[in-house]
Amino acid sequence: DAGYHAVAPDLFHRAGGGTAPYDDFAQGMPLFAGLDSDEKLLADVDSARRHLHAAGWSDAQIGIVGFCFGGRLSLLVG
């Protein structure tokens, strides 16, 4: 209603996807196994961007935010 459209790409799909509790480091680490290159992560962000373009959003209307791992990815994109 506020005019925003959010996309949350599954960046862990290369390790089989899924989720882990934020406070369970041992369960979360296997999800990072598929994150073996920044280029693949940036390709996932580009796919999300193409999705937003197809929905009618321009680059001037698209932003990226994140914290922790997502913050690093935001810096890579910028």
PDB file of N, CA and C in Angstrom:
ATOM      1  N   ASP A   1       0.812  -1.210   0.000  1.00  0.00           N
ATOM      2  CA  ASP A   1       0.000   0.000   0.000  1.00  0.00           C
ATOM      3  C   ASP A   1       0.850   1.267   0.000  1.00  0.00           C
ATOM      4  N   ALA A   2       2.064   1.166   0.550  1.00  0.00           N
ATOM      5  CA  ALA A   2       2.940   2.325   0.636  1.00  0.00           C
ATOM      6  C   ALA A   2       3.744   2.541  -0.636  1.00  0.00           C
ATOM      7  N   GLY A   3       3.619   1.634  -1.605  1.00  0.00           N
ATOM      8  CA  GLY A   3       4.318   1.801  -2.864  1.00  0.00           C
ATOM      9  C   GLY A   3       5.664   1.115  -2.952  1.00  0.00           C
ATOM     10  N   TYR A   4       5.924   0.196  -2.034  1.00  0.00           N
ATOM     11  CA  TYR A   4       7.190  -0.523  -2.047  1.00  0.00           C
ATOM     12  C   TYR A   4       6.988  -1.944  -2.546  1.00  0.00           C
ATOM     13  N   HIS A   5       8.019  -2.498  -3.120  1.00  0.00           N
ATOM     14  CA  HIS A   5       8.029  -3.886  -3.577  1.00  0.00           C
ATOM     15  C   HIS A   5       9.338  -4.485  -3.073  1.00  0.00           C
ATOM     16  N   ALA A   6       9.248  -5.544  -2.301  1.00  0.00           N
ATOM     17  CA  ALA A   6      10.461  -6.146  -1.730  1.00  0.00           C
ATOM     18  C   ALA A   6      10.739  -7.490  -2.377  1.00  0.00           C
ATOM     19  N   VAL A   7      12.015  -7.777  -2.566  1.00  0.00           N
ATOM     20  CA  VAL A   7      12.463  -9.060  -3.090  1.00  0.00           C
ATOM     21  C   VAL A   7      13.512  -9.597  -2.122  1.00  0.00           C
ATOM     22  N   ALA A   8      13.358 -10.849  -1.726  1.00  0.00           N
ATOM     23  CA  ALA A   8      14.334 -11.491  -0.831  1.00  0.00           C
ATOM     24  C   ALA A   8      14.832 -12.759  -1.508  1.00  0.00           C
ATOM     25  N   PRO A   9      15.890 -12.644  -2.319  1.00  0.00           N
ATOM     26  CA  PRO A   9      16.378 -13.819  -3.040  1.00  0.00           C
ATOM     27  C   PRO A   9      16.935 -14.878  -2.084  1.00  0.00           C
ATOM     28  N   ASP A  10      16.763 -16.128  -2.454  1.00  0.00           N
ATOM     29  CA  ASP A  10      17.293 -17.246  -1.673  1.00  0.00           C
ATOM     30  C   ASP A  10      18.763 -17.418  -2.038  1.00  0.00           C
ATOM     31  N   LEU A  11      19.622 -16.733  -1.334  1.00  0.00           N
ATOM     32  CA  LEU A  11      21.047 -16.758  -1.644  1.00  0.00           C
ATOM     33  C   LEU A  11      21.704 -18.084  -1.283  1.00  0.00           C
ATOM     34  N   PHE A  12      21.008 -18.913  -0.535  1.00  0.00           N
ATOM     35  CA  PHE A  12      21.577 -20.189  -0.102  1.00  0.00           C
ATOM     36  C   PHE A  12      21.109 -21.367  -0.955  1.00  0.00           C
ATOM     37  N   HIS A  13      20.524 -21.098  -2.107  1.00  0.00           N
ATOM     38  CA  HIS A  13      19.979 -22.177  -2.940  1.00  0.00           C
ATOM     39  C   HIS A  13      21.053 -23.135  -3.441  1.00  0.00           C
ATOM     40  N   ARG A  14      22.277 -22.693  -3.574  1.00  0.00           N
ATOM     41  CA  ARG A  14      23.336 -23.578  -4.073  1.00  0.00           C
ATOM     42  C   ARG A  14      23.752 -24.643  -3.059  1.00  0.00           C
ATOM     43  N   ALA A  15      23.378 -24.457  -1.800  1.00  0.00           N
ATOM     44  CA  ALA A  15      23.672 -25.443  -0.753  1.00  0.00           C
ATOM     45  C   ALA A  15      22.399 -26.186  -0.356  1.00  0.00           C
ATOM     46  N   GLY A  16      21.386 -26.136  -1.200  1.00  0.00           N
ATOM     47  CA  GLY A  16      20.142 -26.841  -0.927  1.00  0.00           C
ATOM     48  C   GLY A  16      19.060 -25.987  -0.314  1.00  0.00           C
ATOM     49  N   GLY A  17      19.352 -24.722  -0.045  1.00  0.00           N
ATOM     50  CA  GLY A  17      18.349 -23.813   0.497  1.00  0.00           C
ATOM     51  C   GLY A  17      18.005 -24.139   1.932  1.00  0.00           C
ATOM     52  N   GLY A  18      16.906 -23.592   2.357  1.00  0.00           N
ATOM     53  CA  GLY A  18      16.449 -23.814   3.711  1.00  0.00           C
ATOM     54  C   GLY A  18      16.843 -22.676   4.630  1.00  0.00           C
ATOM     55  N   THR A  19      16.507 -22.867   5.889  1.00  0.00           N
ATOM     56  CA  THR A  19      16.795 -21.849   6.888  1.00  0.00           C
ATOM     57  C   THR A  19      17.419 -22.498   8.120  1.00  0.00           C
ATOM     58  N   ALA A  20      17.957 -21.681   8.965  1.00  0.00           N
ATOM     59  CA  ALA A  20      18.521 -22.132  10.240  1.00  0.00           C
ATOM     60  C   ALA A  20      18.226 -21.060  11.266  1.00  0.00           C
ATOM     61  N   PRO A  21      18.050 -21.434  12.512  1.00  0.00           N
ATOM     62  CA  PRO A  21      17.850 -20.425  13.551  1.00  0.00           C
ATOM     63  C   PRO A  21      19.042 -19.481  13.613  1.00  0.00           C
ATOM     64  N   TYR A  22      18.804 -18.218  13.822  1.00  0.00           N
ATOM     65  CA  TYR A  22      19.870 -17.222  13.818  1.00  0.00           C
ATOM     66  C   TYR A  22      20.912 -17.498  14.894  1.00  0.00           C
ATOM     67  N   ASP A  23      20.492 -18.127  15.995  1.00  0.00           N
ATOM     68  CA  ASP A  23      21.423 -18.370  17.092  1.00  0.00           C
ATOM     69  C   ASP A  23      22.053 -19.763  17.066  1.00  0.00           C
ATOM     70  N   ASP A  24      21.858 -20.524  15.968  1.00  0.00           N
ATOM     71  CA  ASP A  24      22.424 -21.864  15.859  1.00  0.00           C
ATOM     72  C   ASP A  24      23.491 -21.862  14.770  1.00  0.00           C
ATOM     73  N   PHE A  25      24.702 -21.465  15.153  1.00  0.00           N
ATOM     74  CA  PHE A  25      25.808 -21.322  14.218  1.00  0.00           C
ATOM     75  C   PHE A  25      26.118 -22.636  13.502  1.00  0.00           C
ATOM     76  N   ALA A  26      26.106 -23.748  14.225  1.00  0.00           N
ATOM     77  CA  ALA A  26      26.437 -25.053  13.637  1.00  0.00           C
ATOM     78  C   ALA A  26      25.443 -25.447  12.554  1.00  0.00           C
ATOM     79  N   GLN A  27      24.189 -25.114  12.728  1.00  0.00           N
ATOM     80  CA  GLN A  27      23.178 -25.453  11.727  1.00  0.00           C
ATOM     81  C   GLN A  27      23.233 -24.486  10.539  1.00  0.00           C
ATOM     82  N   GLY A  28      23.653 -23.262  10.779  1.00  0.00           N
ATOM     83  CA  GLY A  28      23.698 -22.272   9.710  1.00  0.00           C
ATOM     84  C   GLY A  28      24.906 -22.383   8.806  1.00  0.00           C
ATOM     85  N   MET A  29      26.022 -22.845   9.316  1.00  0.00           N
ATOM     86  CA  MET A  29      27.247 -22.890   8.519  1.00  0.00           C
ATOM     87  C   MET A  29      27.144 -23.734   7.248  1.00  0.00           C
ATOM     88  N   PRO A  30      26.465 -24.887   7.245  1.00  0.00           N
ATOM     89  CA  PRO A  30      26.357 -25.637   5.987  1.00  0.00           C
ATOM     90  C   PRO A  30      25.667 -24.858   4.868  1.00  0.00           C
ATOM     91  N   LEU A  31      24.812 -23.909   5.218  1.00  0.00           N
ATOM     92  CA  LEU A  31      24.150 -23.101   4.196  1.00  0.00           C
ATOM     93  C   LEU A  31      25.147 -22.240   3.434  1.00  0.00           C
ATOM     94  N   PHE A  32      26.251 -21.907   4.067  1.00  0.00           N
ATOM     95  CA  PHE A  32      27.269 -21.074   3.426  1.00  0.00           C
ATOM     96  C   PHE A  32      28.156 -21.866   2.470  1.00  0.00           C
ATOM     97  N   ALA A  33      28.011 -23.189   2.434  1.00  0.00           N
ATOM     98  CA  ALA A  33      28.852 -24.031   1.579  1.00  0.00           C
ATOM     99  C   ALA A  33      28.722 -23.670   0.101  1.00  0.00           C
ATOM    100  N   GLY A  34      27.541 -23.242  -0.322  1.00  0.00           N
ATOM    101  CA  GLY A  34      27.326 -22.901  -1.727  1.00  0.00           C
ATOM    102  C   GLY A  34      27.743 -21.493  -2.084  1.00  0.00           C
ATOM    103  N   LEU A  35      28.205 -20.727  -1.115  1.00  0.00           N
ATOM    104  CA  LEU A  35      28.600 -19.340  -1.363  1.00  0.00           C
ATOM    105  C   LEU A  35      30.094 -19.267  -1.619  1.00  0.00           C
ATOM    106  N   ASP A  36      30.511 -19.891  -2.707  1.00  0.00           N
ATOM    107  CA  ASP A  36      31.936 -20.023  -2.978  1.00  0.00           C
ATOM    108  C   ASP A  36      32.501 -18.933  -3.879  1.00  0.00           C
ATOM    109  N   SER A  37      31.663 -17.988  -4.318  1.00  0.00           N
ATOM    110  CA  SER A  37      32.215 -16.894  -5.125  1.00  0.00           C
ATOM    111  C   SER A  37      31.295 -15.683  -5.064  1.00  0.00           C
ATOM    112  N   ASP A  38      31.917 -14.523  -5.027  1.00  0.00           N
ATOM    113  CA  ASP A  38      31.149 -13.281  -5.055  1.00  0.00           C
ATOM    114  C   ASP A  38      30.397 -13.140  -6.367  1.00  0.00           C
ATOM    115  N   GLU A  39      30.961 -13.662  -7.447  1.00  0.00           N
ATOM    116  CA  GLU A  39      30.313 -13.539  -8.754  1.00  0.00           C
ATOM    117  C   GLU A  39      28.949 -14.224  -8.755  1.00  0.00           C
ATOM    118  N   LYS A  40      28.841 -15.374  -8.099  1.00  0.00           N
ATOM    119  CA  LYS A  40      27.549 -16.075  -8.038  1.00  0.00           C
ATOM    120  C   LYS A  40      26.536 -15.286  -7.211  1.00  0.00           C
ATOM    121  N   LEU A  41      27.005 -14.695  -6.129  1.00  0.00           N
ATOM    122  CA  LEU A  41      26.110 -13.861  -5.321  1.00  0.00           C
ATOM    123  C   LEU A  41      25.624 -12.662  -6.110  1.00  0.00           C
ATOM    124  N   LEU A  42      26.534 -12.030  -6.836  1.00  0.00           N
ATOM    125  CA  LEU A  42      26.146 -10.879  -7.641  1.00  0.00           C
ATOM    126  C   LEU A  42      25.204 -11.283  -8.768  1.00  0.00           C
ATOM    127  N   ALA A  43      25.346 -12.497  -9.288  1.00  0.00           N
ATOM    128  CA  ALA A  43      24.411 -12.996 -10.302  1.00  0.00           C
ATOM    129  C   ALA A  43      23.015 -13.144  -9.711  1.00  0.00           C
ATOM    130  N   ASP A  44      22.932 -13.581  -8.441  1.00  0.00           N
ATOM    131  CA  ASP A  44      21.627 -13.683  -7.781  1.00  0.00           C
ATOM    132  C   ASP A  44      21.000 -12.302  -7.601  1.00  0.00           C
ATOM    133  N   VAL A  45      21.811 -11.320  -7.237  1.00  0.00           N
ATOM    134  CA  VAL A  45      21.304  -9.952  -7.091  1.00  0.00           C
ATOM    135  C   VAL A  45      20.841  -9.424  -8.447  1.00  0.00           C
ATOM    136  N   ASP A  46      21.586  -9.713  -9.496  1.00  0.00           N
ATOM    137  CA  ASP A  46      21.182  -9.291 -10.843  1.00  0.00           C
ATOM    138  C   ASP A  46      19.855  -9.926 -11.245  1.00  0.00           C
ATOM    139  N   SER A  47      19.635 -11.172 -10.853  1.00  0.00           N
ATOM    140  CA  SER A  47      18.352 -11.830 -11.147  1.00  0.00           C
ATOM    141  C   SER A  47      17.212 -11.118 -10.431  1.00  0.00           C
ATOM    142  N   ALA A  48      17.439 -10.738  -9.182  1.00  0.00           N
ATOM    143  CA  ALA A  48      16.417 -10.000  -8.435  1.00  0.00           C
ATOM    144  C   ALA A  48      16.150  -8.645  -9.090  1.00  0.00           C
ATOM    145  N   ARG A  49      17.209  -8.008  -9.549  1.00  0.00           N
ATOM    146  CA  ARG A  49      17.067  -6.721 -10.238  1.00  0.00           C
ATOM    147  C   ARG A  49      16.269  -6.872 -11.536  1.00  0.00           C
ATOM    148  N   ARG A  50      16.535  -7.934 -12.282  1.00  0.00           N
ATOM    149  CA  ARG A  50      15.762  -8.171 -13.508  1.00  0.00           C
ATOM    150  C   ARG A  50      14.282  -8.405 -13.181  1.00  0.00           C
ATOM    151  N   HIS A  51      14.026  -9.105 -12.086  1.00  0.00           N
ATOM    152  CA  HIS A  51      12.644  -9.318 -11.639  1.00  0.00           C
ATOM    153  C   HIS A  51      11.967  -7.969 -11.362  1.00  0.00           C
ATOM    154  N   LEU A  52      12.673  -7.081 -10.688  1.00  0.00           N
ATOM    155  CA  LEU A  52      12.101  -5.769 -10.399  1.00  0.00           C
ATOM    156  C   LEU A  52      11.900  -4.949 -11.665  1.00  0.00           C
ATOM    157  N   HIS A  53      12.834  -5.043 -12.602  1.00  0.00           N
ATOM    158  CA  HIS A  53      12.660  -4.353 -13.886  1.00  0.00           C
ATOM    159  C   HIS A  53      11.415  -4.869 -14.597  1.00  0.00           C
ATOM    160  N   ALA A  54      11.214  -6.176 -14.581  1.00  0.00           N
ATOM    161  CA  ALA A  54      10.035  -6.769 -15.234  1.00  0.00           C
ATOM    162  C   ALA A  54       8.738  -6.319 -14.565  1.00  0.00           C
ATOM    163  N   ALA A  55       8.822  -5.976 -13.281  1.00  0.00           N
ATOM    164  CA  ALA A  55       7.650  -5.498 -12.552  1.00  0.00           C
ATOM    165  C   ALA A  55       7.438  -3.991 -12.744  1.00  0.00           C
ATOM    166  N   GLY A  56       8.312  -3.369 -13.537  1.00  0.00           N
ATOM    167  CA  GLY A  56       8.135  -1.961 -13.863  1.00  0.00           C
ATOM    168  C   GLY A  56       8.969  -0.983 -13.048  1.00  0.00           C
ATOM    169  N   TRP A  57       9.887  -1.476 -12.235  1.00  0.00           N
ATOM    170  CA  TRP A  57      10.725  -0.601 -11.410  1.00  0.00           C
ATOM    171  C   TRP A  57      11.999  -0.242 -12.170  1.00  0.00           C
ATOM    172  N   SER A  58      12.423   0.994 -12.044  1.00  0.00           N
ATOM    173  CA  SER A  58      13.665   1.440 -12.699  1.00  0.00           C
ATOM    174  C   SER A  58      14.821   1.361 -11.699  1.00  0.00           C
ATOM    175  N   ASP A  59      16.038   1.447 -12.220  1.00  0.00           N
ATOM    176  CA  ASP A  59      17.211   1.414 -11.338  1.00  0.00           C
ATOM    177  C   ASP A  59      17.156   2.520 -10.285  1.00  0.00           C
ATOM    178  N   ALA A  60      16.623   3.676 -10.658  1.00  0.00           N
ATOM    179  CA  ALA A  60      16.540   4.792  -9.714  1.00  0.00           C
ATOM    180  C   ALA A  60      15.596   4.495  -8.545  1.00  0.00           C
ATOM    181  N   GLN A  61      14.735   3.496  -8.700  1.00  0.00           N
ATOM    182  CA  GLN A  61      13.781   3.135  -7.663  1.00  0.00           C
ATOM    183  C   GLN A  61      14.196   1.901  -6.873  1.00  0.00           C
ATOM    184  N   ILE A  62      15.332   1.320  -7.212  1.00  0.00           N
ATOM    185  CA  ILE A  62      15.771   0.066  -6.596  1.00  0.00           C
ATOM    186  C   ILE A  62      16.925   0.338  -5.643  1.00  0.00           C
ATOM    187  N   GLY A  63      16.860  -0.265  -4.466  1.00  0.00           N
ATOM    188  CA  GLY A  63      17.934  -0.153  -3.488  1.00  0.00           C
ATOM    189  C   GLY A  63      18.198  -1.516  -2.878  1.00  0.00           C
ATOM    190  N   ILE A  64      19.282  -1.618  -2.149  1.00  0.00           N
ATOM    191  CA  ILE A  64      19.629  -2.861  -1.466  1.00  0.00           C
ATOM    192  C   ILE A  64      20.096  -2.516  -0.058  1.00  0.00           C
ATOM    193  N   VAL A  65      19.646  -3.300   0.897  1.00  0.00           N
ATOM    194  CA  VAL A  65      20.064  -3.127   2.290  1.00  0.00           C
ATOM    195  C   VAL A  65      20.395  -4.495   2.862  1.00  0.00           C
ATOM    196  N   GLY A  66      21.152  -4.507   3.917  1.00  0.00           N
ATOM    197  CA  GLY A  66      21.465  -5.758   4.577  1.00  0.00           C
ATOM    198  C   GLY A  66      22.276  -5.520   5.826  1.00  0.00           C
ATOM    199  N   PHE A  67      22.344  -6.534   6.646  1.00  0.00           N
ATOM    200  CA  PHE A  67      23.199  -6.486   7.830  1.00  0.00           C
ATOM    201  C   PHE A  67      23.960  -7.801   7.900  1.00  0.00           C
ATOM    202  N   CYS A  68      25.088  -7.782   8.544  1.00  0.00           N
ATOM    203  CA  CYS A  68      25.947  -8.959   8.669  1.00  0.00           C
ATOM    204  C   CYS A  68      26.323  -9.431   7.256  1.00  0.00           C
ATOM    205  N   PHE A  69      26.025 -10.649   6.889  1.00  0.00           N
ATOM    206  CA  PHE A  69      26.330 -11.154   5.552  1.00  0.00           C
ATOM    207  C   PHE A  69      25.668 -10.290   4.477  1.00  0.00           C
ATOM    208  N   GLY A  70      24.428  -9.890   4.703  1.00  0.00           N
ATOM    209  CA  GLY A  70      23.715  -9.047   3.750  1.00  0.00           C
ATOM    210  C   GLY A  70      24.334  -7.670   3.610  1.00  0.00           C
ATOM    211  N   GLY A  71      24.949  -7.181   4.673  1.00  0.00           N
ATOM    212  CA  GLY A  71      25.652  -5.911   4.593  1.00  0.00           C
ATOM    213  C   GLY A  71      26.866  -5.994   3.697  1.00  0.00           C
ATOM    214  N   ARG A  72      27.584  -7.093   3.803  1.00  0.00           N
ATOM    215  CA  ARG A  72      28.739  -7.307   2.920  1.00  0.00           C
ATOM    216  C   ARG A  72      28.279  -7.374   1.468  1.00  0.00           C
ATOM    217  N   LEU A  73      27.183  -8.086   1.229  1.00  0.00           N
ATOM    218  CA  LEU A  73      26.661  -8.187  -0.130  1.00  0.00           C
ATOM    219  C   LEU A  73      26.237  -6.823  -0.642  1.00  0.00           C
ATOM    220  N   SER A  74      25.622  -6.023   0.202  1.00  0.00           N
ATOM    221  CA  SER A  74      25.230  -4.655  -0.200  1.00  0.00           C
ATOM    222  C   SER A  74      26.452  -3.843  -0.612  1.00  0.00           C
ATOM    223  N   LEU A  75      27.558  -3.996   0.113  1.00  0.00           N
ATOM    224  CA  LEU A  75      28.793  -3.298  -0.248  1.00  0.00           C
ATOM    225  C   LEU A  75      29.352  -3.798  -1.574  1.00  0.00           C
ATOM    226  N   LEU A  76      29.244  -5.101  -1.831  1.00  0.00           N
ATOM    227  CA  LEU A  76      29.721  -5.650  -3.098  1.00  0.00           C
ATOM    228  C   LEU A  76      28.934  -5.082  -4.274  1.00  0.00           C
ATOM    229  N   VAL A  77      27.636  -4.923  -4.095  1.00  0.00           N
ATOM    230  CA  VAL A  77      26.775  -4.418  -5.165  1.00  0.00           C
ATOM    231  C   VAL A  77      27.089  -2.955  -5.443  1.00  0.00           C
ATOM    232  N   GLY A  78      27.315  -2.191  -4.386  1.00  0.00           N
ATOM    233  CA  GLY A  78      27.565  -0.749  -4.516  1.00  0.00           C
ATOM    234  C   GLY A  78      28.849  -0.489  -5.175  1.00  0.00           C
TER     235      GLY A  78
END
